[in-house]
Amino acid sequence: MSTVEPEIHDVAARVPAQRSPEDTAHEPVSRFGVPDESRLPPHVAEIYAKFRRQYGFVPNWLASLAINPDTAYRLVVFYEHLFDPHRSHLTAAERELVAVVTSSANQCSYCVFNHTQALAAALGDTVRAQRIAQGFHHVRLSLKEEALAVIAERLTRDPTAIGDDDLQRLRQIGFTREAIVEILEISAFFSYANRLTIALNVVPDDQFFAGRDLKPH
């Protein structure tokens, strides 16, 4: 898909190497800044418009990835298909639990902040979601929750350690083969998204700290 190369507002290039505490408010959104929105190709401009309609703002991860517009487009299309509740074999809470545990294992603060809010909404329990994000080993989880968390963490940290027994355990507690493949896919997807976000040093959005719910309006 051809795209118009966006003009880049490289905020990082304008930030001094040594900053005083007063300069922290000028922290760049990412290492490459963000593109000029007026120069985005139509298929990515529409994604911006959709996020503004649903959430009221364009999140920093999307603006940062839009430096290469098709990277942003591919990730959004993949995510929306993967998290489509009409296609999923998992509940919203199960999907978000995998997302949070994977992101925590990868130490991706942006994705942890983002999906902890989504997990809290799915669970109806903000404190429990935050405790899981801080370390699920210290939370009393249900049998299914624990199995999801363990497999997500293992796939993230040591994928070659996963064996037949791990998948069989998931089958024994009620997950279908289709659901198990989806669990692995969600964890793998977040490792991909985590690595992009970490490498670009994307700054969490202010909305994450304002107690704002990121569910669609």
N, C-alpha and C. Protein backbone atom coordinates (compact mmCIF):
# COMPACT_ATOMS: atom_id res chain seq x y z
N MET A 1 0.84 -1.18 0.00
CA MET A 1 0.00 0.00 0.00
C MET A 1 0.88 1.24 0.00
N SER A 2 0.67 2.09 -1.00
CA SER A 2 1.51 3.29 -1.08
C SER A 2 1.04 4.31 -0.06
N THR A 3 1.98 5.09 0.45
CA THR A 3 1.65 6.11 1.43
C THR A 3 2.40 7.38 1.11
N VAL A 4 1.87 8.49 1.60
CA VAL A 4 2.59 9.76 1.52
C VAL A 4 3.50 9.85 2.70
N GLU A 5 4.76 10.09 2.51
CA GLU A 5 5.70 10.15 3.62
C GLU A 5 5.39 11.35 4.48
N PRO A 6 5.04 11.14 5.74
CA PRO A 6 4.67 12.27 6.60
C PRO A 6 5.88 13.10 7.00
N GLU A 7 5.64 14.39 7.13
CA GLU A 7 6.67 15.27 7.67
C GLU A 7 6.77 15.01 9.15
N ILE A 8 7.96 14.80 9.67
CA ILE A 8 8.13 14.39 11.06
C ILE A 8 8.44 15.60 11.94
N HIS A 9 7.67 15.71 13.00
CA HIS A 9 7.96 16.70 14.04
C HIS A 9 8.87 16.02 15.05
N ASP A 10 10.15 16.08 14.86
CA ASP A 10 11.08 15.34 15.71
C ASP A 10 11.32 16.11 16.99
N VAL A 11 10.43 15.91 17.93
CA VAL A 11 10.52 16.62 19.20
C VAL A 11 11.80 16.27 19.92
N ALA A 12 12.20 14.99 19.83
CA ALA A 12 13.37 14.53 20.57
C ALA A 12 14.61 15.30 20.18
N ALA A 13 14.71 15.70 18.92
CA ALA A 13 15.89 16.40 18.45
C ALA A 13 16.02 17.77 19.09
N ARG A 14 14.89 18.32 19.58
CA ARG A 14 14.93 19.66 20.16
C ARG A 14 15.11 19.65 21.66
N VAL A 15 15.15 18.47 22.25
CA VAL A 15 15.27 18.37 23.71
C VAL A 15 16.74 18.31 24.10
N PRO A 16 17.21 19.18 24.98
CA PRO A 16 18.62 19.16 25.37
C PRO A 16 19.01 17.83 26.01
N ALA A 17 20.29 17.51 25.88
CA ALA A 17 20.79 16.26 26.46
C ALA A 17 20.67 16.30 27.98
N GLN A 18 20.95 17.47 28.58
CA GLN A 18 20.83 17.62 30.03
C GLN A 18 19.63 18.51 30.32
N ARG A 19 18.66 17.99 31.09
CA ARG A 19 17.46 18.76 31.36
C ARG A 19 17.32 19.01 32.85
N SER A 20 16.83 20.16 33.19
CA SER A 20 16.52 20.46 34.59
C SER A 20 15.20 19.82 34.93
N PRO A 21 14.90 19.67 36.22
CA PRO A 21 13.61 19.09 36.60
C PRO A 21 12.42 19.83 36.00
N GLU A 22 12.57 21.13 35.78
CA GLU A 22 11.49 21.93 35.22
C GLU A 22 11.20 21.56 33.77
N ASP A 23 12.15 20.89 33.09
CA ASP A 23 11.98 20.56 31.68
C ASP A 23 11.26 19.24 31.46
N THR A 24 10.92 18.52 32.52
CA THR A 24 10.32 17.20 32.34
C THR A 24 8.98 17.28 31.64
N ALA A 25 8.31 18.42 31.73
CA ALA A 25 7.02 18.57 31.06
C ALA A 25 7.18 18.53 29.55
N HIS A 26 8.39 18.73 29.05
CA HIS A 26 8.64 18.76 27.61
C HIS A 26 9.17 17.43 27.10
N GLU A 27 9.00 16.37 27.87
CA GLU A 27 9.46 15.05 27.45
C GLU A 27 8.82 14.68 26.13
N PRO A 28 9.61 14.24 25.15
CA PRO A 28 9.04 13.92 23.84
C PRO A 28 8.11 12.71 23.92
N VAL A 29 7.13 12.68 23.04
CA VAL A 29 6.18 11.58 22.99
C VAL A 29 6.90 10.27 22.70
N SER A 30 7.89 10.31 21.81
CA SER A 30 8.70 9.14 21.50
C SER A 30 10.05 9.60 20.97
N ARG A 31 10.94 8.66 20.76
CA ARG A 31 12.29 9.01 20.31
C ARG A 31 12.29 9.66 18.94
N PHE A 32 11.31 9.36 18.10
CA PHE A 32 11.22 9.95 16.78
C PHE A 32 10.13 11.01 16.68
N GLY A 33 9.56 11.40 17.82
CA GLY A 33 8.50 12.39 17.78
C GLY A 33 7.24 11.83 17.15
N VAL A 34 6.46 12.70 16.53
CA VAL A 34 5.21 12.29 15.88
C VAL A 34 5.14 12.93 14.50
N PRO A 35 4.38 12.33 13.57
CA PRO A 35 4.28 12.90 12.23
C PRO A 35 3.33 14.09 12.18
N ASP A 36 3.45 14.85 11.12
CA ASP A 36 2.51 15.94 10.84
C ASP A 36 1.20 15.29 10.43
N GLU A 37 0.19 15.46 11.26
CA GLU A 37 -1.08 14.78 11.00
C GLU A 37 -1.69 15.17 9.65
N SER A 38 -1.46 16.39 9.22
CA SER A 38 -2.05 16.84 7.96
C SER A 38 -1.48 16.12 6.75
N ARG A 39 -0.35 15.44 6.94
CA ARG A 39 0.29 14.75 5.83
C ARG A 39 0.14 13.23 5.90
N LEU A 40 -0.66 12.75 6.84
CA LEU A 40 -0.88 11.32 6.94
C LEU A 40 -1.69 10.81 5.75
N PRO A 41 -1.43 9.59 5.30
CA PRO A 41 -2.24 9.01 4.22
C PRO A 41 -3.66 8.77 4.71
N PRO A 42 -4.63 8.72 3.83
CA PRO A 42 -6.04 8.63 4.23
C PRO A 42 -6.37 7.44 5.13
N HIS A 43 -5.75 6.26 4.89
CA HIS A 43 -6.12 5.09 5.68
C HIS A 43 -5.67 5.22 7.13
N VAL A 44 -4.64 6.02 7.39
CA VAL A 44 -4.19 6.25 8.77
C VAL A 44 -4.92 7.46 9.36
N ALA A 45 -5.19 8.47 8.55
CA ALA A 45 -5.97 9.62 9.03
C ALA A 45 -7.35 9.16 9.53
N GLU A 46 -7.93 8.17 8.86
CA GLU A 46 -9.22 7.64 9.30
C GLU A 46 -9.11 6.93 10.65
N ILE A 47 -7.99 6.27 10.88
CA ILE A 47 -7.79 5.64 12.19
C ILE A 47 -7.70 6.71 13.28
N TYR A 48 -6.98 7.80 13.00
CA TYR A 48 -6.93 8.91 13.96
C TYR A 48 -8.34 9.39 14.27
N ALA A 49 -9.14 9.59 13.22
CA ALA A 49 -10.49 10.11 13.41
C ALA A 49 -11.34 9.14 14.23
N LYS A 50 -11.17 7.85 13.98
CA LYS A 50 -11.94 6.85 14.71
C LYS A 50 -11.57 6.85 16.18
N PHE A 51 -10.28 6.97 16.50
CA PHE A 51 -9.86 7.01 17.91
C PHE A 51 -10.41 8.26 18.59
N ARG A 52 -10.42 9.38 17.90
CA ARG A 52 -10.97 10.60 18.51
C ARG A 52 -12.47 10.43 18.78
N ARG A 53 -13.17 9.78 17.86
CA ARG A 53 -14.61 9.56 18.08
C ARG A 53 -14.85 8.64 19.27
N GLN A 54 -14.06 7.59 19.40
CA GLN A 54 -14.29 6.58 20.43
C GLN A 54 -13.74 6.98 21.79
N TYR A 55 -12.54 7.58 21.81
CA TYR A 55 -11.85 7.83 23.07
C TYR A 55 -11.62 9.30 23.39
N GLY A 56 -11.80 10.15 22.39
CA GLY A 56 -11.62 11.58 22.62
C GLY A 56 -10.22 12.08 22.40
N PHE A 57 -9.28 11.20 22.05
CA PHE A 57 -7.90 11.61 21.80
C PHE A 57 -7.18 10.54 20.98
N VAL A 58 -6.03 10.92 20.41
CA VAL A 58 -5.17 9.97 19.70
C VAL A 58 -4.08 9.54 20.66
N PRO A 59 -4.02 8.25 21.02
CA PRO A 59 -3.02 7.81 21.99
C PRO A 59 -1.60 7.93 21.46
N ASN A 60 -0.67 8.10 22.37
CA ASN A 60 0.72 8.29 21.99
C ASN A 60 1.30 7.12 21.20
N TRP A 61 0.87 5.88 21.51
CA TRP A 61 1.42 4.74 20.78
C TRP A 61 1.06 4.82 19.30
N LEU A 62 -0.16 5.25 19.01
CA LEU A 62 -0.60 5.36 17.62
C LEU A 62 0.15 6.47 16.91
N ALA A 63 0.26 7.63 17.54
CA ALA A 63 0.98 8.75 16.93
C ALA A 63 2.45 8.42 16.71
N SER A 64 3.03 7.68 17.65
CA SER A 64 4.45 7.32 17.52
C SER A 64 4.69 6.34 16.38
N LEU A 65 3.84 5.33 16.28
CA LEU A 65 4.00 4.34 15.21
C LEU A 65 3.68 4.93 13.84
N ALA A 66 2.89 5.99 13.81
CA ALA A 66 2.51 6.61 12.54
C ALA A 66 3.67 7.32 11.86
N ILE A 67 4.83 7.38 12.50
CA ILE A 67 6.04 7.83 11.80
C ILE A 67 6.18 7.01 10.52
N ASN A 68 5.92 5.70 10.62
CA ASN A 68 5.78 4.85 9.43
C ASN A 68 4.30 4.48 9.37
N PRO A 69 3.50 5.18 8.58
CA PRO A 69 2.05 5.03 8.64
C PRO A 69 1.55 3.59 8.54
N ASP A 70 2.17 2.80 7.70
CA ASP A 70 1.68 1.44 7.53
C ASP A 70 1.98 0.55 8.73
N THR A 71 2.99 0.90 9.52
CA THR A 71 3.21 0.17 10.78
C THR A 71 2.03 0.38 11.71
N ALA A 72 1.59 1.63 11.85
CA ALA A 72 0.42 1.93 12.68
C ALA A 72 -0.81 1.22 12.15
N TYR A 73 -0.99 1.26 10.84
CA TYR A 73 -2.16 0.64 10.22
C TYR A 73 -2.19 -0.87 10.47
N ARG A 74 -1.06 -1.53 10.25
CA ARG A 74 -1.02 -2.99 10.43
C ARG A 74 -1.34 -3.38 11.87
N LEU A 75 -0.75 -2.64 12.83
CA LEU A 75 -0.96 -2.99 14.23
C LEU A 75 -2.43 -2.81 14.63
N VAL A 76 -3.04 -1.71 14.19
CA VAL A 76 -4.43 -1.44 14.56
C VAL A 76 -5.36 -2.50 13.95
N VAL A 77 -5.15 -2.82 12.68
CA VAL A 77 -6.01 -3.81 12.02
C VAL A 77 -5.88 -5.16 12.70
N PHE A 78 -4.66 -5.57 13.01
CA PHE A 78 -4.42 -6.84 13.70
C PHE A 78 -5.10 -6.83 15.06
N TYR A 79 -4.88 -5.77 15.83
CA TYR A 79 -5.45 -5.69 17.18
C TYR A 79 -6.98 -5.74 17.14
N GLU A 80 -7.58 -4.97 16.25
CA GLU A 80 -9.04 -4.91 16.22
C GLU A 80 -9.64 -6.26 15.85
N HIS A 81 -9.01 -6.99 14.96
CA HIS A 81 -9.49 -8.31 14.60
C HIS A 81 -9.28 -9.28 15.76
N LEU A 82 -8.11 -9.20 16.39
CA LEU A 82 -7.77 -10.12 17.48
C LEU A 82 -8.68 -9.92 18.69
N PHE A 83 -9.06 -8.68 18.98
CA PHE A 83 -9.86 -8.38 20.16
C PHE A 83 -11.34 -8.21 19.84
N ASP A 84 -11.76 -8.61 18.67
CA ASP A 84 -13.17 -8.54 18.30
C ASP A 84 -13.95 -9.55 19.14
N PRO A 85 -14.84 -9.09 20.01
CA PRO A 85 -15.54 -10.02 20.91
C PRO A 85 -16.43 -11.01 20.17
N HIS A 86 -16.82 -10.68 18.95
CA HIS A 86 -17.67 -11.58 18.19
C HIS A 86 -16.88 -12.73 17.57
N ARG A 87 -15.57 -12.59 17.51
CA ARG A 87 -14.72 -13.64 16.95
C ARG A 87 -13.97 -14.41 18.03
N SER A 88 -13.79 -13.80 19.18
CA SER A 88 -12.91 -14.35 20.21
C SER A 88 -13.50 -15.58 20.89
N HIS A 89 -12.61 -16.47 21.30
CA HIS A 89 -12.97 -17.65 22.08
C HIS A 89 -12.75 -17.40 23.57
N LEU A 90 -12.40 -16.18 23.93
CA LEU A 90 -12.10 -15.81 25.32
C LEU A 90 -13.01 -14.68 25.76
N THR A 91 -13.11 -14.48 27.07
CA THR A 91 -13.83 -13.32 27.59
C THR A 91 -12.92 -12.10 27.51
N ALA A 92 -13.52 -10.93 27.67
CA ALA A 92 -12.73 -9.69 27.67
C ALA A 92 -11.71 -9.71 28.80
N ALA A 93 -12.10 -10.20 29.97
CA ALA A 93 -11.18 -10.26 31.11
C ALA A 93 -10.01 -11.19 30.83
N GLU A 94 -10.28 -12.30 30.18
CA GLU A 94 -9.21 -13.25 29.85
C GLU A 94 -8.24 -12.65 28.84
N ARG A 95 -8.75 -11.98 27.84
CA ARG A 95 -7.86 -11.33 26.85
C ARG A 95 -7.00 -10.27 27.52
N GLU A 96 -7.61 -9.45 28.36
CA GLU A 96 -6.86 -8.36 28.99
C GLU A 96 -5.86 -8.88 30.02
N LEU A 97 -6.20 -9.98 30.68
CA LEU A 97 -5.25 -10.58 31.62
C LEU A 97 -3.98 -11.03 30.89
N VAL A 98 -4.14 -11.67 29.76
CA VAL A 98 -2.98 -12.08 28.97
C VAL A 98 -2.18 -10.85 28.52
N ALA A 99 -2.88 -9.80 28.10
CA ALA A 99 -2.20 -8.58 27.66
C ALA A 99 -1.39 -7.96 28.79
N VAL A 100 -1.97 -7.88 29.97
CA VAL A 100 -1.30 -7.24 31.11
C VAL A 100 -0.10 -8.06 31.58
N VAL A 101 -0.28 -9.37 31.71
CA VAL A 101 0.82 -10.21 32.20
C VAL A 101 1.97 -10.20 31.20
N THR A 102 1.67 -10.29 29.92
CA THR A 102 2.72 -10.25 28.90
C THR A 102 3.46 -8.92 28.94
N SER A 103 2.73 -7.83 28.99
CA SER A 103 3.35 -6.50 29.00
C SER A 103 4.17 -6.28 30.26
N SER A 104 3.69 -6.80 31.38
CA SER A 104 4.45 -6.68 32.63
C SER A 104 5.75 -7.48 32.54
N ALA A 105 5.68 -8.69 31.98
CA ALA A 105 6.89 -9.52 31.83
C ALA A 105 7.90 -8.87 30.91
N ASN A 106 7.41 -8.11 29.93
CA ASN A 106 8.30 -7.40 29.00
C ASN A 106 8.74 -6.04 29.54
N GLN A 107 8.19 -5.63 30.70
CA GLN A 107 8.48 -4.33 31.31
C GLN A 107 8.11 -3.18 30.39
N CYS A 108 6.97 -3.33 29.73
CA CYS A 108 6.47 -2.26 28.86
C CYS A 108 5.49 -1.42 29.66
N SER A 109 5.98 -0.33 30.23
CA SER A 109 5.14 0.47 31.13
C SER A 109 3.93 1.04 30.41
N TYR A 110 4.11 1.44 29.15
CA TYR A 110 2.98 2.04 28.42
C TYR A 110 1.82 1.04 28.32
N CYS A 111 2.12 -0.17 27.84
CA CYS A 111 1.06 -1.16 27.64
C CYS A 111 0.49 -1.64 28.97
N VAL A 112 1.31 -1.67 30.01
CA VAL A 112 0.80 -2.04 31.33
C VAL A 112 -0.21 -1.00 31.80
N PHE A 113 0.14 0.28 31.70
CA PHE A 113 -0.80 1.34 32.10
C PHE A 113 -2.09 1.22 31.30
N ASN A 114 -1.97 1.07 30.00
CA ASN A 114 -3.13 1.05 29.11
C ASN A 114 -4.05 -0.13 29.42
N HIS A 115 -3.49 -1.32 29.42
CA HIS A 115 -4.34 -2.51 29.53
C HIS A 115 -4.70 -2.86 30.97
N THR A 116 -4.04 -2.27 31.95
CA THR A 116 -4.52 -2.43 33.32
C THR A 116 -5.87 -1.74 33.46
N GLN A 117 -6.04 -0.60 32.81
CA GLN A 117 -7.34 0.06 32.84
C GLN A 117 -8.40 -0.80 32.18
N ALA A 118 -8.04 -1.41 31.04
CA ALA A 118 -9.00 -2.27 30.35
C ALA A 118 -9.32 -3.51 31.17
N LEU A 119 -8.32 -4.07 31.84
CA LEU A 119 -8.54 -5.23 32.71
C LEU A 119 -9.45 -4.85 33.87
N ALA A 120 -9.23 -3.67 34.44
CA ALA A 120 -10.07 -3.21 35.55
C ALA A 120 -11.52 -3.09 35.12
N ALA A 121 -11.74 -2.57 33.91
CA ALA A 121 -13.10 -2.44 33.40
C ALA A 121 -13.74 -3.81 33.19
N ALA A 122 -12.95 -4.76 32.67
CA ALA A 122 -13.48 -6.10 32.40
C ALA A 122 -13.77 -6.86 33.69
N LEU A 123 -12.93 -6.66 34.70
CA LEU A 123 -13.11 -7.35 35.99
C LEU A 123 -14.11 -6.63 36.89
N GLY A 124 -14.29 -5.33 36.64
CA GLY A 124 -15.08 -4.52 37.56
C GLY A 124 -14.38 -4.30 38.88
N ASP A 125 -13.03 -4.31 38.84
CA ASP A 125 -12.24 -4.22 40.08
C ASP A 125 -10.89 -3.59 39.76
N THR A 126 -10.77 -2.29 40.01
CA THR A 126 -9.54 -1.57 39.69
C THR A 126 -8.36 -2.03 40.53
N VAL A 127 -8.59 -2.23 41.81
CA VAL A 127 -7.50 -2.63 42.71
C VAL A 127 -6.94 -3.99 42.30
N ARG A 128 -7.81 -4.93 42.02
CA ARG A 128 -7.36 -6.27 41.64
C ARG A 128 -6.56 -6.23 40.33
N ALA A 129 -7.04 -5.44 39.37
CA ALA A 129 -6.33 -5.31 38.10
C ALA A 129 -4.93 -4.74 38.31
N GLN A 130 -4.82 -3.73 39.17
CA GLN A 130 -3.52 -3.13 39.45
C GLN A 130 -2.60 -4.10 40.17
N ARG A 131 -3.14 -4.90 41.06
CA ARG A 131 -2.33 -5.89 41.75
C ARG A 131 -1.81 -6.96 40.78
N ILE A 132 -2.65 -7.38 39.85
CA ILE A 132 -2.21 -8.35 38.84
C ILE A 132 -1.08 -7.76 38.00
N ALA A 133 -1.23 -6.50 37.63
CA ALA A 133 -0.20 -5.84 36.82
C ALA A 133 1.13 -5.73 37.57
N GLN A 134 1.06 -5.56 38.88
CA GLN A 134 2.28 -5.43 39.69
C GLN A 134 2.95 -6.78 39.94
N GLY A 135 2.20 -7.86 39.82
CA GLY A 135 2.79 -9.18 40.05
C GLY A 135 1.70 -10.19 40.36
N PHE A 136 1.27 -10.94 39.35
CA PHE A 136 0.13 -11.84 39.53
C PHE A 136 0.42 -12.96 40.53
N HIS A 137 1.70 -13.26 40.77
CA HIS A 137 2.06 -14.33 41.70
C HIS A 137 1.60 -14.02 43.13
N HIS A 138 1.33 -12.74 43.40
CA HIS A 138 0.94 -12.33 44.75
C HIS A 138 -0.56 -12.07 44.86
N VAL A 139 -1.31 -12.52 43.85
CA VAL A 139 -2.76 -12.31 43.84
C VAL A 139 -3.44 -13.68 43.85
N ARG A 140 -4.49 -13.81 44.62
CA ARG A 140 -5.25 -15.07 44.63
C ARG A 140 -6.13 -15.11 43.38
N LEU A 141 -5.72 -15.90 42.41
CA LEU A 141 -6.41 -15.99 41.13
C LEU A 141 -7.26 -17.25 41.07
N SER A 142 -8.25 -17.22 40.18
CA SER A 142 -9.01 -18.43 39.91
C SER A 142 -8.12 -19.41 39.16
N LEU A 143 -8.55 -20.64 39.04
CA LEU A 143 -7.77 -21.66 38.34
C LEU A 143 -7.50 -21.23 36.90
N LYS A 144 -8.52 -20.73 36.23
CA LYS A 144 -8.34 -20.30 34.84
C LYS A 144 -7.44 -19.07 34.74
N GLU A 145 -7.63 -18.11 35.64
CA GLU A 145 -6.80 -16.91 35.62
C GLU A 145 -5.33 -17.25 35.83
N GLU A 146 -5.07 -18.11 36.78
CA GLU A 146 -3.69 -18.49 37.06
C GLU A 146 -3.06 -19.19 35.86
N ALA A 147 -3.81 -20.10 35.24
CA ALA A 147 -3.28 -20.81 34.07
C ALA A 147 -2.97 -19.86 32.93
N LEU A 148 -3.85 -18.88 32.71
CA LEU A 148 -3.62 -17.88 31.66
C LEU A 148 -2.37 -17.06 31.96
N ALA A 149 -2.25 -16.62 33.20
CA ALA A 149 -1.11 -15.79 33.58
C ALA A 149 0.20 -16.56 33.44
N VAL A 150 0.21 -17.80 33.88
CA VAL A 150 1.42 -18.61 33.82
C VAL A 150 1.85 -18.86 32.38
N ILE A 151 0.92 -19.21 31.51
CA ILE A 151 1.29 -19.51 30.13
C ILE A 151 1.74 -18.24 29.41
N ALA A 152 1.10 -17.10 29.70
CA ALA A 152 1.49 -15.84 29.07
C ALA A 152 2.90 -15.43 29.50
N GLU A 153 3.18 -15.56 30.79
CA GLU A 153 4.51 -15.20 31.28
C GLU A 153 5.57 -16.13 30.71
N ARG A 154 5.26 -17.43 30.65
CA ARG A 154 6.24 -18.39 30.15
C ARG A 154 6.52 -18.19 28.67
N LEU A 155 5.48 -17.94 27.88
CA LEU A 155 5.68 -17.70 26.46
C LEU A 155 6.52 -16.45 26.23
N THR A 156 6.35 -15.46 27.08
CA THR A 156 7.08 -14.20 26.95
C THR A 156 8.54 -14.35 27.34
N ARG A 157 8.79 -15.04 28.44
CA ARG A 157 10.16 -15.11 28.97
C ARG A 157 10.97 -16.29 28.48
N ASP A 158 10.30 -17.40 28.23
CA ASP A 158 11.04 -18.60 27.84
C ASP A 158 10.15 -19.50 26.98
N PRO A 159 9.89 -19.11 25.74
CA PRO A 159 8.93 -19.85 24.92
C PRO A 159 9.30 -21.31 24.68
N THR A 160 10.59 -21.62 24.68
CA THR A 160 10.97 -23.01 24.45
C THR A 160 10.65 -23.90 25.64
N ALA A 161 10.29 -23.30 26.77
CA ALA A 161 9.93 -24.08 27.97
C ALA A 161 8.51 -24.60 27.91
N ILE A 162 7.72 -24.09 26.99
CA ILE A 162 6.34 -24.56 26.89
C ILE A 162 6.31 -25.95 26.27
N GLY A 163 5.62 -26.86 26.94
CA GLY A 163 5.53 -28.23 26.46
C GLY A 163 4.10 -28.72 26.38
N ASP A 164 3.93 -29.98 26.03
CA ASP A 164 2.60 -30.57 25.91
C ASP A 164 1.81 -30.45 27.20
N ASP A 165 2.47 -30.60 28.32
CA ASP A 165 1.78 -30.55 29.61
C ASP A 165 1.11 -29.20 29.85
N ASP A 166 1.78 -28.13 29.41
CA ASP A 166 1.22 -26.79 29.61
C ASP A 166 -0.09 -26.62 28.84
N LEU A 167 -0.08 -27.09 27.60
CA LEU A 167 -1.29 -26.96 26.79
C LEU A 167 -2.38 -27.92 27.25
N GLN A 168 -1.97 -29.09 27.71
CA GLN A 168 -2.94 -30.05 28.21
C GLN A 168 -3.62 -29.52 29.47
N ARG A 169 -2.87 -28.82 30.30
CA ARG A 169 -3.48 -28.25 31.51
C ARG A 169 -4.58 -27.26 31.13
N LEU A 170 -4.33 -26.46 30.11
CA LEU A 170 -5.35 -25.51 29.66
C LEU A 170 -6.59 -26.24 29.16
N ARG A 171 -6.38 -27.36 28.46
CA ARG A 171 -7.51 -28.15 27.98
C ARG A 171 -8.30 -28.70 29.16
N GLN A 172 -7.60 -29.17 30.17
CA GLN A 172 -8.26 -29.83 31.31
C GLN A 172 -9.12 -28.88 32.13
N ILE A 173 -8.79 -27.59 32.10
CA ILE A 173 -9.59 -26.64 32.90
C ILE A 173 -10.63 -25.92 32.05
N GLY A 174 -10.80 -26.37 30.80
CA GLY A 174 -11.94 -25.88 30.04
C GLY A 174 -11.68 -25.07 28.80
N PHE A 175 -10.43 -24.80 28.47
CA PHE A 175 -10.15 -24.04 27.26
C PHE A 175 -10.12 -24.99 26.05
N THR A 176 -10.76 -24.60 24.97
CA THR A 176 -10.73 -25.39 23.75
C THR A 176 -9.39 -25.19 23.04
N ARG A 177 -9.12 -26.02 22.05
CA ARG A 177 -7.89 -25.86 21.27
C ARG A 177 -7.87 -24.49 20.60
N GLU A 178 -9.04 -24.06 20.09
CA GLU A 178 -9.12 -22.76 19.44
C GLU A 178 -8.78 -21.64 20.42
N ALA A 179 -9.31 -21.75 21.63
CA ALA A 179 -9.04 -20.73 22.64
C ALA A 179 -7.57 -20.71 23.03
N ILE A 180 -6.95 -21.88 23.11
CA ILE A 180 -5.54 -21.95 23.49
C ILE A 180 -4.66 -21.29 22.44
N VAL A 181 -4.96 -21.54 21.17
CA VAL A 181 -4.19 -20.88 20.11
C VAL A 181 -4.37 -19.36 20.21
N GLU A 182 -5.57 -18.92 20.53
CA GLU A 182 -5.82 -17.49 20.67
C GLU A 182 -5.05 -16.91 21.86
N ILE A 183 -4.99 -17.65 22.96
CA ILE A 183 -4.21 -17.20 24.12
C ILE A 183 -2.75 -16.96 23.72
N LEU A 184 -2.18 -17.93 23.02
CA LEU A 184 -0.79 -17.79 22.57
C LEU A 184 -0.64 -16.62 21.61
N GLU A 185 -1.63 -16.47 20.74
CA GLU A 185 -1.57 -15.38 19.75
C GLU A 185 -1.63 -14.02 20.42
N ILE A 186 -2.50 -13.86 21.41
CA ILE A 186 -2.61 -12.58 22.10
C ILE A 186 -1.30 -12.25 22.81
N SER A 187 -0.73 -13.22 23.49
CA SER A 187 0.53 -12.98 24.18
C SER A 187 1.64 -12.63 23.18
N ALA A 188 1.70 -13.35 22.08
CA ALA A 188 2.71 -13.07 21.06
C ALA A 188 2.50 -11.69 20.45
N PHE A 189 1.24 -11.32 20.22
CA PHE A 189 0.95 -9.99 19.68
C PHE A 189 1.44 -8.90 20.62
N PHE A 190 1.21 -9.08 21.91
CA PHE A 190 1.63 -8.03 22.83
C PHE A 190 3.14 -7.96 22.98
N SER A 191 3.83 -9.07 22.85
CA SER A 191 5.29 -8.99 22.83
C SER A 191 5.76 -8.16 21.64
N TYR A 192 5.11 -8.34 20.52
CA TYR A 192 5.42 -7.53 19.32
C TYR A 192 5.16 -6.04 19.58
N ALA A 193 3.95 -5.74 20.09
CA ALA A 193 3.61 -4.34 20.35
C ALA A 193 4.49 -3.76 21.46
N ASN A 194 4.77 -4.54 22.50
CA ASN A 194 5.64 -4.09 23.59
C ASN A 194 7.00 -3.67 23.07
N ARG A 195 7.58 -4.47 22.20
CA ARG A 195 8.93 -4.19 21.71
C ARG A 195 8.99 -2.92 20.88
N LEU A 196 7.98 -2.69 20.08
CA LEU A 196 7.92 -1.43 19.33
C LEU A 196 7.81 -0.24 20.29
N THR A 197 6.92 -0.37 21.26
CA THR A 197 6.67 0.73 22.19
C THR A 197 7.90 1.02 23.06
N ILE A 198 8.56 -0.03 23.52
CA ILE A 198 9.75 0.15 24.35
C ILE A 198 10.88 0.78 23.55
N ALA A 199 11.13 0.27 22.35
CA ALA A 199 12.24 0.77 21.54
C ALA A 199 12.06 2.24 21.18
N LEU A 200 10.82 2.65 20.95
CA LEU A 200 10.54 4.05 20.63
C LEU A 200 10.39 4.91 21.88
N ASN A 201 10.40 4.28 23.06
CA ASN A 201 10.26 4.99 24.34
C ASN A 201 9.01 5.87 24.35
N VAL A 202 7.87 5.24 24.03
CA VAL A 202 6.62 5.97 23.97
C VAL A 202 6.17 6.34 25.39
N VAL A 203 5.85 7.59 25.59
CA VAL A 203 5.45 8.10 26.91
C VAL A 203 3.97 7.81 27.14
N PRO A 204 3.60 7.28 28.30
CA PRO A 204 2.18 7.04 28.59
C PRO A 204 1.36 8.34 28.50
N ASP A 205 0.16 8.22 28.01
CA ASP A 205 -0.71 9.39 27.85
C ASP A 205 -1.14 9.94 29.20
N ASP A 206 -1.36 11.25 29.25
CA ASP A 206 -1.82 11.88 30.48
C ASP A 206 -3.12 11.26 30.97
N GLN A 207 -3.95 10.80 30.03
CA GLN A 207 -5.24 10.22 30.40
C GLN A 207 -5.10 9.00 31.31
N PHE A 208 -3.97 8.30 31.23
CA PHE A 208 -3.76 7.13 32.08
C PHE A 208 -3.69 7.51 33.55
N PHE A 209 -3.32 8.75 33.82
CA PHE A 209 -3.10 9.19 35.20
C PHE A 209 -4.25 10.07 35.70
N ALA A 210 -5.25 10.23 34.87
CA ALA A 210 -6.37 11.08 35.25
C ALA A 210 -7.59 10.26 35.65
N GLY A 211 -7.41 8.93 35.71
CA GLY A 211 -8.52 8.08 36.07
C GLY A 211 -9.56 7.97 34.99
N ARG A 212 -9.14 8.29 33.75
CA ARG A 212 -10.08 8.27 32.65
C ARG A 212 -10.26 6.84 32.13
N ASP A 213 -11.51 6.46 31.91
CA ASP A 213 -11.81 5.14 31.38
C ASP A 213 -11.65 5.19 29.87
N LEU A 214 -10.85 4.28 29.30
CA LEU A 214 -10.60 4.29 27.87
C LEU A 214 -11.60 3.44 27.10
N LYS A 215 -12.70 3.08 27.70
CA LYS A 215 -13.73 2.36 26.95
C LYS A 215 -14.37 3.33 25.97
N PRO A 216 -14.92 2.81 24.84
CA PRO A 216 -15.61 3.68 23.89
C PRO A 216 -16.75 4.42 24.57
N HIS A 217 -17.01 5.64 24.06
CA HIS A 217 -18.10 6.44 24.62
C HIS A 217 -19.45 5.77 24.30
